Amino acid sequence: MRLSRRCLVLAVAALPLVPFPARASAESSTVSGLRDSAGRQRVLIIDTPDTEADLFRIQAAALVSAWAGLIERDMRVVTRVGAPAFRVRLIGKDGGEKLDTAAPVSAADLFALIDAMPMRRAEAAGRSDR
């Protein structure tokens, strides 16, 4: 599916994105602050120079098409505009960094990584017992 520029902007606006301006001094405090949500949410941090960057558009399209999976896996998506380069990081519910890459991540790869985590397997088992 190919999204037009206007549709992609609207779709990205619908994502559970939390804009956070990237600043070198904010880098460590942002990640450590997000790690404080340990046990409640998994956090996907997307750093991008701007929302028109090709890599960001690819990543956003992958996430928009996987909306239900993000919600099911207790995901929070944080985008940091103004970063020097594109980067994707996943912080697990335990506060540990599970992924750090300079390339967009497909929803299938992201969900496979998360679904292999012990905490996610326990969550899925608990939900299937209901």
N, C-alpha and C. Protein backbone atom coordinates (compact mmCIF):
# COMPACT_ATOMS: atom_id res chain seq x y z
N MET A 1 0.84 -1.17 0.00
CA MET A 1 0.00 0.00 0.00
C MET A 1 0.89 1.24 0.00
N ARG A 2 0.60 2.16 -0.90
CA ARG A 2 1.36 3.40 -0.99
C ARG A 2 0.51 4.53 -0.46
N LEU A 3 1.01 5.21 0.53
CA LEU A 3 0.28 6.33 1.12
C LEU A 3 0.72 7.64 0.49
N SER A 4 -0.22 8.49 0.20
CA SER A 4 0.12 9.82 -0.28
C SER A 4 0.72 10.61 0.88
N ARG A 5 1.38 11.68 0.57
CA ARG A 5 2.01 12.50 1.60
C ARG A 5 0.96 13.00 2.60
N ARG A 6 -0.17 13.46 2.11
CA ARG A 6 -1.23 13.98 2.99
C ARG A 6 -1.78 12.87 3.89
N CYS A 7 -2.01 11.68 3.31
CA CYS A 7 -2.53 10.56 4.11
C CYS A 7 -1.52 10.14 5.18
N LEU A 8 -0.23 10.13 4.81
CA LEU A 8 0.79 9.73 5.77
C LEU A 8 0.85 10.72 6.94
N VAL A 9 0.77 12.00 6.64
CA VAL A 9 0.80 13.00 7.71
C VAL A 9 -0.39 12.80 8.64
N LEU A 10 -1.57 12.57 8.08
CA LEU A 10 -2.75 12.33 8.91
C LEU A 10 -2.61 11.04 9.70
N ALA A 11 -2.08 10.00 9.07
CA ALA A 11 -1.91 8.71 9.75
C ALA A 11 -0.90 8.83 10.88
N VAL A 12 0.19 9.53 10.63
CA VAL A 12 1.20 9.70 11.69
C VAL A 12 0.61 10.50 12.84
N ALA A 13 -0.23 11.47 12.53
CA ALA A 13 -0.86 12.26 13.58
C ALA A 13 -1.74 11.39 14.47
N ALA A 14 -2.26 10.30 13.92
CA ALA A 14 -3.14 9.42 14.69
C ALA A 14 -2.36 8.44 15.56
N LEU A 15 -1.07 8.27 15.30
CA LEU A 15 -0.26 7.36 16.11
C LEU A 15 -0.15 7.86 17.54
N PRO A 16 0.08 6.94 18.47
CA PRO A 16 0.29 7.39 19.85
C PRO A 16 1.69 7.97 20.01
N LEU A 17 1.97 9.03 19.26
CA LEU A 17 3.29 9.66 19.29
C LEU A 17 3.32 10.75 20.34
N VAL A 18 4.44 10.85 21.00
CA VAL A 18 4.65 11.91 21.97
C VAL A 18 5.82 12.73 21.46
N PRO A 19 5.56 13.91 20.85
CA PRO A 19 6.66 14.70 20.32
C PRO A 19 7.61 15.13 21.42
N PHE A 20 8.88 15.06 21.14
CA PHE A 20 9.88 15.49 22.11
C PHE A 20 11.04 16.05 21.31
N PRO A 21 11.31 17.34 21.39
CA PRO A 21 12.40 17.90 20.62
C PRO A 21 13.74 17.30 21.04
N ALA A 22 14.53 16.88 20.08
CA ALA A 22 15.82 16.27 20.38
C ALA A 22 16.85 17.35 20.67
N ARG A 23 17.54 17.20 21.75
CA ARG A 23 18.65 18.07 22.11
C ARG A 23 19.71 17.16 22.72
N ALA A 24 20.94 17.45 22.43
CA ALA A 24 22.02 16.60 22.94
C ALA A 24 21.94 16.49 24.47
N SER A 25 21.64 17.58 25.16
CA SER A 25 21.60 17.54 26.61
C SER A 25 20.39 16.76 27.14
N ALA A 26 19.36 16.64 26.30
CA ALA A 26 18.15 15.95 26.74
C ALA A 26 18.22 14.45 26.48
N GLU A 27 19.19 14.01 25.69
CA GLU A 27 19.29 12.60 25.28
C GLU A 27 19.24 11.63 26.45
N SER A 28 20.17 11.75 27.39
CA SER A 28 20.21 10.77 28.47
C SER A 28 19.04 10.93 29.43
N SER A 29 18.62 12.16 29.68
CA SER A 29 17.50 12.34 30.60
C SER A 29 16.20 11.82 30.00
N THR A 30 16.05 11.94 28.68
CA THR A 30 14.84 11.44 28.02
C THR A 30 14.76 9.93 28.15
N VAL A 31 15.83 9.24 27.78
CA VAL A 31 15.83 7.78 27.84
C VAL A 31 15.67 7.31 29.28
N SER A 32 16.37 7.93 30.23
CA SER A 32 16.22 7.50 31.61
C SER A 32 14.82 7.83 32.13
N GLY A 33 14.24 8.95 31.69
CA GLY A 33 12.88 9.29 32.08
C GLY A 33 11.88 8.29 31.54
N LEU A 34 12.09 7.82 30.32
CA LEU A 34 11.21 6.83 29.73
C LEU A 34 11.39 5.47 30.41
N ARG A 35 12.58 5.21 30.88
CA ARG A 35 12.81 3.95 31.59
C ARG A 35 12.05 3.93 32.91
N ASP A 36 11.67 5.11 33.41
CA ASP A 36 10.90 5.18 34.65
C ASP A 36 9.51 4.58 34.48
N SER A 37 9.05 4.39 33.24
CA SER A 37 7.74 3.78 33.01
C SER A 37 7.86 2.26 33.00
N ALA A 38 8.96 1.75 33.52
CA ALA A 38 9.20 0.30 33.56
C ALA A 38 8.02 -0.42 34.20
N GLY A 39 7.66 -1.53 33.59
CA GLY A 39 6.57 -2.35 34.10
C GLY A 39 5.21 -1.97 33.56
N ARG A 40 5.11 -0.77 32.99
CA ARG A 40 3.81 -0.31 32.48
C ARG A 40 3.73 -0.31 30.96
N GLN A 41 4.78 0.15 30.31
CA GLN A 41 4.77 0.27 28.85
C GLN A 41 6.12 -0.08 28.26
N ARG A 42 6.08 -0.52 27.02
CA ARG A 42 7.28 -0.63 26.20
C ARG A 42 7.34 0.68 25.42
N VAL A 43 8.53 1.24 25.26
CA VAL A 43 8.66 2.54 24.61
C VAL A 43 9.52 2.39 23.35
N LEU A 44 8.97 2.84 22.23
CA LEU A 44 9.70 2.88 20.98
C LEU A 44 10.06 4.33 20.74
N ILE A 45 11.36 4.63 20.73
CA ILE A 45 11.85 5.99 20.53
C ILE A 45 12.33 6.11 19.10
N ILE A 46 11.77 7.06 18.38
CA ILE A 46 12.18 7.30 17.00
C ILE A 46 12.81 8.68 16.94
N ASP A 47 14.10 8.74 16.65
CA ASP A 47 14.79 10.00 16.45
C ASP A 47 14.82 10.26 14.94
N THR A 48 14.52 11.47 14.53
CA THR A 48 14.51 11.82 13.12
C THR A 48 14.90 13.28 12.93
N PRO A 49 15.63 13.57 11.86
CA PRO A 49 15.95 14.99 11.60
C PRO A 49 14.68 15.82 11.39
N ASP A 50 13.70 15.25 10.67
CA ASP A 50 12.42 15.92 10.47
C ASP A 50 11.39 14.89 10.02
N THR A 51 10.13 15.27 10.04
CA THR A 51 9.07 14.32 9.70
C THR A 51 8.94 14.09 8.20
N GLU A 52 9.72 14.79 7.41
CA GLU A 52 9.74 14.57 5.96
C GLU A 52 10.85 13.60 5.54
N ALA A 53 11.69 13.19 6.47
CA ALA A 53 12.80 12.28 6.16
C ALA A 53 12.25 10.94 5.68
N ASP A 54 12.85 10.40 4.64
CA ASP A 54 12.38 9.14 4.04
C ASP A 54 12.33 8.01 5.06
N LEU A 55 13.38 7.87 5.87
CA LEU A 55 13.40 6.77 6.85
C LEU A 55 12.28 6.91 7.87
N PHE A 56 12.00 8.14 8.29
CA PHE A 56 10.90 8.35 9.23
C PHE A 56 9.56 8.00 8.58
N ARG A 57 9.37 8.39 7.34
CA ARG A 57 8.12 8.09 6.64
C ARG A 57 7.91 6.59 6.50
N ILE A 58 8.98 5.86 6.23
CA ILE A 58 8.90 4.39 6.14
C ILE A 58 8.51 3.81 7.50
N GLN A 59 9.17 4.29 8.55
CA GLN A 59 8.88 3.79 9.90
C GLN A 59 7.45 4.12 10.31
N ALA A 60 7.02 5.34 10.05
CA ALA A 60 5.67 5.76 10.42
C ALA A 60 4.63 4.92 9.70
N ALA A 61 4.83 4.65 8.42
CA ALA A 61 3.88 3.84 7.66
C ALA A 61 3.80 2.43 8.24
N ALA A 62 4.94 1.87 8.65
CA ALA A 62 4.95 0.53 9.25
C ALA A 62 4.17 0.52 10.55
N LEU A 63 4.29 1.56 11.34
CA LEU A 63 3.60 1.62 12.63
C LEU A 63 2.11 1.88 12.47
N VAL A 64 1.75 2.73 11.53
CA VAL A 64 0.33 3.02 11.30
C VAL A 64 -0.41 1.75 10.92
N SER A 65 0.21 0.95 10.06
CA SER A 65 -0.46 -0.28 9.61
C SER A 65 -0.52 -1.33 10.72
N ALA A 66 0.20 -1.12 11.81
CA ALA A 66 0.24 -2.10 12.90
C ALA A 66 -0.34 -1.54 14.20
N TRP A 67 -1.22 -0.58 14.08
CA TRP A 67 -1.81 0.11 15.23
C TRP A 67 -2.30 -0.84 16.32
N ALA A 68 -3.11 -1.82 15.94
CA ALA A 68 -3.69 -2.75 16.94
C ALA A 68 -2.59 -3.52 17.67
N GLY A 69 -1.54 -3.90 16.97
CA GLY A 69 -0.44 -4.62 17.60
C GLY A 69 0.31 -3.77 18.61
N LEU A 70 0.44 -2.48 18.32
CA LEU A 70 1.09 -1.57 19.27
C LEU A 70 0.29 -1.49 20.57
N ILE A 71 -1.01 -1.36 20.42
CA ILE A 71 -1.88 -1.26 21.59
C ILE A 71 -1.85 -2.56 22.39
N GLU A 72 -1.94 -3.67 21.69
CA GLU A 72 -1.94 -4.99 22.35
C GLU A 72 -0.67 -5.22 23.15
N ARG A 73 0.44 -4.67 22.69
CA ARG A 73 1.73 -4.89 23.35
C ARG A 73 2.11 -3.74 24.29
N ASP A 74 1.14 -2.93 24.66
CA ASP A 74 1.38 -1.83 25.62
C ASP A 74 2.52 -0.92 25.17
N MET A 75 2.48 -0.52 23.90
CA MET A 75 3.55 0.29 23.34
C MET A 75 3.24 1.77 23.46
N ARG A 76 4.28 2.52 23.71
CA ARG A 76 4.24 3.99 23.65
C ARG A 76 5.27 4.37 22.61
N VAL A 77 4.89 5.20 21.66
CA VAL A 77 5.81 5.64 20.61
C VAL A 77 6.16 7.10 20.86
N VAL A 78 7.45 7.36 20.95
CA VAL A 78 7.95 8.72 21.18
C VAL A 78 8.78 9.10 19.97
N THR A 79 8.44 10.22 19.36
CA THR A 79 9.25 10.69 18.24
C THR A 79 9.97 11.97 18.66
N ARG A 80 11.25 12.01 18.33
CA ARG A 80 12.09 13.16 18.66
C ARG A 80 12.54 13.80 17.35
N VAL A 81 11.94 14.91 17.02
CA VAL A 81 12.24 15.62 15.78
C VAL A 81 13.41 16.57 16.01
N GLY A 82 14.32 16.63 15.04
CA GLY A 82 15.48 17.51 15.16
C GLY A 82 16.75 16.77 15.52
N ALA A 83 16.68 15.44 15.55
CA ALA A 83 17.86 14.63 15.85
C ALA A 83 18.84 14.71 14.67
N PRO A 84 20.12 14.50 14.91
CA PRO A 84 21.09 14.57 13.82
C PRO A 84 20.94 13.43 12.80
N ALA A 85 20.37 12.31 13.22
CA ALA A 85 20.22 11.16 12.31
C ALA A 85 19.02 10.33 12.73
N PHE A 86 18.55 9.49 11.82
CA PHE A 86 17.44 8.59 12.12
C PHE A 86 17.93 7.47 13.02
N ARG A 87 17.12 7.12 14.01
CA ARG A 87 17.47 6.05 14.95
C ARG A 87 16.20 5.53 15.59
N VAL A 88 16.13 4.22 15.80
CA VAL A 88 14.98 3.60 16.47
C VAL A 88 15.51 2.79 17.64
N ARG A 89 14.92 3.02 18.82
CA ARG A 89 15.29 2.27 20.01
C ARG A 89 14.04 1.74 20.68
N LEU A 90 14.13 0.54 21.22
CA LEU A 90 13.03 -0.05 21.97
C LEU A 90 13.48 -0.23 23.41
N ILE A 91 12.70 0.32 24.32
CA ILE A 91 12.95 0.16 25.76
C ILE A 91 11.87 -0.79 26.28
N GLY A 92 12.28 -1.89 26.88
CA GLY A 92 11.34 -2.87 27.39
C GLY A 92 10.68 -2.43 28.69
N LYS A 93 9.70 -3.19 29.11
CA LYS A 93 9.01 -2.88 30.37
C LYS A 93 9.95 -2.98 31.56
N ASP A 94 11.04 -3.71 31.40
CA ASP A 94 12.02 -3.82 32.48
C ASP A 94 12.99 -2.64 32.50
N GLY A 95 12.84 -1.72 31.53
CA GLY A 95 13.70 -0.56 31.46
C GLY A 95 14.96 -0.76 30.64
N GLY A 96 15.18 -1.97 30.15
CA GLY A 96 16.37 -2.26 29.37
C GLY A 96 16.19 -1.95 27.90
N GLU A 97 17.28 -1.56 27.26
CA GLU A 97 17.24 -1.28 25.83
C GLU A 97 17.28 -2.61 25.07
N LYS A 98 16.25 -2.86 24.27
CA LYS A 98 16.10 -4.13 23.57
C LYS A 98 16.50 -4.03 22.11
N LEU A 99 16.51 -2.82 21.56
CA LEU A 99 16.81 -2.62 20.14
C LEU A 99 17.40 -1.24 19.97
N ASP A 100 18.40 -1.13 19.11
CA ASP A 100 18.97 0.17 18.75
C ASP A 100 19.46 0.02 17.32
N THR A 101 18.79 0.72 16.39
CA THR A 101 19.13 0.58 14.99
C THR A 101 18.99 1.91 14.27
N ALA A 102 19.73 2.05 13.17
CA ALA A 102 19.67 3.26 12.35
C ALA A 102 18.77 3.05 11.13
N ALA A 103 18.03 1.95 11.11
CA ALA A 103 17.16 1.65 9.98
C ALA A 103 15.73 1.44 10.49
N PRO A 104 14.75 1.71 9.63
CA PRO A 104 13.36 1.44 10.04
C PRO A 104 13.18 -0.04 10.39
N VAL A 105 12.27 -0.32 11.31
CA VAL A 105 11.99 -1.68 11.75
C VAL A 105 10.58 -2.03 11.31
N SER A 106 10.44 -3.17 10.67
CA SER A 106 9.10 -3.59 10.25
C SER A 106 8.29 -3.96 11.49
N ALA A 107 6.99 -3.85 11.37
CA ALA A 107 6.12 -4.23 12.49
C ALA A 107 6.32 -5.70 12.82
N ALA A 108 6.46 -6.54 11.81
CA ALA A 108 6.65 -7.97 12.04
C ALA A 108 7.92 -8.24 12.85
N ASP A 109 9.02 -7.58 12.49
CA ASP A 109 10.28 -7.77 13.23
C ASP A 109 10.17 -7.22 14.66
N LEU A 110 9.54 -6.06 14.79
CA LEU A 110 9.36 -5.47 16.11
C LEU A 110 8.52 -6.37 17.01
N PHE A 111 7.42 -6.86 16.47
CA PHE A 111 6.53 -7.71 17.27
C PHE A 111 7.18 -9.06 17.57
N ALA A 112 7.96 -9.60 16.65
CA ALA A 112 8.66 -10.86 16.91
C ALA A 112 9.65 -10.69 18.06
N LEU A 113 10.36 -9.57 18.06
CA LEU A 113 11.31 -9.29 19.14
C LEU A 113 10.58 -9.19 20.48
N ILE A 114 9.49 -8.43 20.51
CA ILE A 114 8.73 -8.24 21.74
C ILE A 114 8.08 -9.56 22.19
N ASP A 115 7.49 -10.28 21.25
CA ASP A 115 6.78 -11.51 21.60
C ASP A 115 7.70 -12.60 22.13
N ALA A 116 8.99 -12.50 21.85
CA ALA A 116 9.96 -13.47 22.36
C ALA A 116 10.41 -13.15 23.79
N MET A 117 10.06 -11.97 24.29
CA MET A 117 10.48 -11.55 25.63
C MET A 117 9.66 -12.30 26.68
N PRO A 118 10.30 -12.72 27.76
CA PRO A 118 9.59 -13.46 28.82
C PRO A 118 8.38 -12.71 29.38
N MET A 119 8.49 -11.40 29.59
CA MET A 119 7.38 -10.65 30.15
C MET A 119 6.19 -10.66 29.18
N ARG A 120 6.46 -10.54 27.89
CA ARG A 120 5.38 -10.55 26.89
C ARG A 120 4.73 -11.93 26.82
N ARG A 121 5.54 -12.99 26.90
CA ARG A 121 4.97 -14.33 26.87
C ARG A 121 4.04 -14.55 28.06
N ALA A 122 4.45 -14.03 29.21
CA ALA A 122 3.60 -14.15 30.41
C ALA A 122 2.31 -13.35 30.23
N GLU A 123 2.41 -12.17 29.66
CA GLU A 123 1.22 -11.36 29.40
C GLU A 123 0.26 -12.09 28.46
N ALA A 124 0.80 -12.64 27.39
CA ALA A 124 -0.02 -13.33 26.40
C ALA A 124 -0.68 -14.57 27.03
N ALA A 125 0.04 -15.27 27.87
CA ALA A 125 -0.53 -16.45 28.53
C ALA A 125 -1.64 -16.04 29.48
N GLY A 126 -1.45 -14.94 30.18
CA GLY A 126 -2.47 -14.44 31.11
C GLY A 126 -3.72 -14.00 30.40
N ARG A 127 -3.57 -13.39 29.23
CA ARG A 127 -4.72 -12.94 28.46
C ARG A 127 -5.48 -14.09 27.85
N SER A 128 -4.76 -15.16 27.47
CA SER A 128 -5.44 -16.30 26.83
C SER A 128 -6.20 -17.15 27.85
N ASP A 129 -5.85 -16.99 29.15
CA ASP A 129 -6.56 -17.73 30.20
C ASP A 129 -7.91 -17.12 30.52
N ARG A 130 -8.14 -15.90 30.08
CA ARG A 130 -9.38 -15.19 30.42
C ARG A 130 -10.54 -15.63 29.56
